[in-house]
Protein backbone atom coordinates (compact mmCIF):
# COMPACT_ATOMS: atom_id res chain seq x y z
CA UNK A 1 76.66 -6.91 213.72
CA UNK A 2 75.78 -5.72 210.23
CA UNK A 3 78.51 -4.93 207.69
CA UNK A 4 78.61 -2.73 204.61
CA UNK A 5 81.59 -3.55 202.39
CA UNK A 6 83.26 -1.99 199.37
CA UNK A 7 85.98 -3.90 197.48
CA UNK A 8 88.90 -1.59 196.66
CA UNK A 9 89.70 -3.17 193.27
CA UNK A 10 87.97 -5.18 190.56
CA UNK A 11 90.06 -8.16 191.66
CA UNK A 12 88.77 -7.73 195.21
CA UNK A 13 85.23 -7.57 193.86
CA UNK A 14 85.70 -10.85 192.02
CA UNK A 15 87.18 -12.48 195.12
CA UNK A 16 84.32 -11.15 197.24
CA UNK A 17 81.83 -12.69 194.80
CA UNK A 18 83.33 -16.11 195.57
CA UNK A 19 83.70 -15.34 199.30
CA UNK A 20 87.48 -15.39 199.13
CA UNK A 21 88.49 -11.75 199.52
CA UNK A 22 91.10 -10.77 202.15
CA UNK A 23 89.91 -8.07 204.53
CA UNK A 24 92.77 -5.75 203.53
CA UNK A 25 91.16 -5.48 200.08
CA UNK A 26 87.90 -4.16 201.52
CA UNK A 27 86.60 -0.94 203.01
CA UNK A 28 84.12 -1.94 205.71
CA UNK A 29 81.72 -0.27 208.08
CA UNK A 30 80.15 -2.23 210.91
CA UNK A 31 76.73 -1.26 212.19
CA UNK A 32 75.34 -2.38 215.51
CA UNK A 33 71.81 -3.77 215.63
CA UNK A 34 70.68 -0.65 217.48
CA UNK A 35 72.11 1.67 214.82
CA UNK A 36 70.75 -0.54 212.05
CA UNK A 37 67.28 -0.29 213.62
CA UNK A 38 67.57 3.50 213.79
CA UNK A 39 68.64 3.70 210.15
CA UNK A 40 65.87 1.29 209.16
CA UNK A 41 63.21 3.34 210.95
CA UNK A 42 64.55 6.52 209.37
CA UNK A 43 63.99 4.94 205.95
CA UNK A 44 67.60 4.84 204.75
CA UNK A 45 67.49 1.34 203.31
CA UNK A 46 64.05 1.84 201.74
CA UNK A 47 65.44 4.97 200.08
CA UNK A 48 68.49 3.06 198.78
CA UNK A 49 66.22 0.27 197.54
CA UNK A 50 63.93 2.70 195.70
CA UNK A 51 66.73 4.65 194.07
CA UNK A 52 68.89 1.68 193.08
CA UNK A 53 66.52 -1.24 192.64
CA UNK A 54 68.28 -3.14 195.43
CA UNK A 55 66.49 -5.39 197.91
CA UNK A 56 68.31 -4.54 201.12
CA UNK A 57 66.54 -6.14 204.06
CA UNK A 58 67.29 -7.34 207.56
CA UNK A 59 68.99 -10.75 207.71
CA UNK A 60 69.68 -10.62 203.98
CA UNK A 61 72.55 -9.94 201.61
CA UNK A 62 72.39 -7.61 198.63
CA UNK A 63 74.78 -5.50 196.61
CA UNK A 64 74.73 -2.62 194.17
CA UNK A 65 77.18 -3.09 191.33
CA UNK A 66 75.87 -0.84 188.58
CA UNK A 67 77.66 2.56 188.58
CA UNK A 68 74.49 4.49 187.69
CA UNK A 69 72.61 2.82 190.53
CA UNK A 70 75.42 3.63 192.95
CA UNK A 71 75.22 7.28 191.87
CA UNK A 72 71.43 7.33 192.13
CA UNK A 73 71.50 5.90 195.66
CA UNK A 74 74.19 8.36 196.77
CA UNK A 75 72.25 11.30 195.35
CA UNK A 76 69.10 10.16 197.14
CA UNK A 77 70.95 9.91 200.45
CA UNK A 78 72.50 13.34 199.97
CA UNK A 79 69.17 15.01 199.11
CA UNK A 80 67.41 13.73 202.21
CA UNK A 81 67.54 15.67 205.47
CA UNK A 82 68.56 13.32 208.29
CA UNK A 83 68.29 13.84 212.03
CA UNK A 84 71.41 15.00 213.85
CA UNK A 85 71.65 11.71 215.73
CA UNK A 86 72.11 9.87 212.41
CA UNK A 87 74.64 12.30 210.92
CA UNK A 88 77.76 10.27 211.70
CA UNK A 89 76.23 6.99 210.51
CA UNK A 90 74.95 8.55 207.30
CA UNK A 91 78.33 10.22 206.71
CA UNK A 92 80.10 6.84 206.97
CA UNK A 93 77.64 5.14 204.63
CA UNK A 94 77.84 7.96 202.08
CA UNK A 95 81.64 7.65 202.19
CA UNK A 96 81.36 3.99 201.22
CA UNK A 97 79.16 4.86 198.24
CA UNK A 98 81.73 7.47 197.18
CA UNK A 99 84.52 4.90 197.46
CA UNK A 100 82.58 2.32 195.43
CA UNK A 101 82.09 4.92 192.70
CA UNK A 102 85.76 6.02 192.83
CA UNK A 103 87.04 2.43 192.80
CA UNK A 104 84.54 1.48 190.05
CA UNK A 105 83.49 -1.52 192.12
CA UNK A 106 80.38 -2.15 194.23
CA UNK A 107 78.83 -1.91 197.66
CA UNK A 108 77.66 -4.97 199.59
CA UNK A 109 75.22 -5.16 202.49
CA UNK A 110 75.69 -8.16 204.78
CA UNK A 111 72.70 -7.94 207.07
């Protein structure tokens, strides 16, 4: 299972950085390996990497903490036309980017 996480406060972000954040201080979305593979093949993570400078990869961890990079990644995702079968997954991932921007925190990819 792959997880995308957004801390809901700056305190949660600091606790997450030291791997000590309670789950009730996080917004999380779990992605099955099958869905991850579909998103990977569709180019979602390559698009996020290009627009934000991240290095999201399979079996890796990365995060986006810069507000401008969060915005850039979200805009890139929104501009792209996705297949109908990915709509719900993309919607959930976009929502996490929106929350990270609203909370002024970050988004973390535990793959």
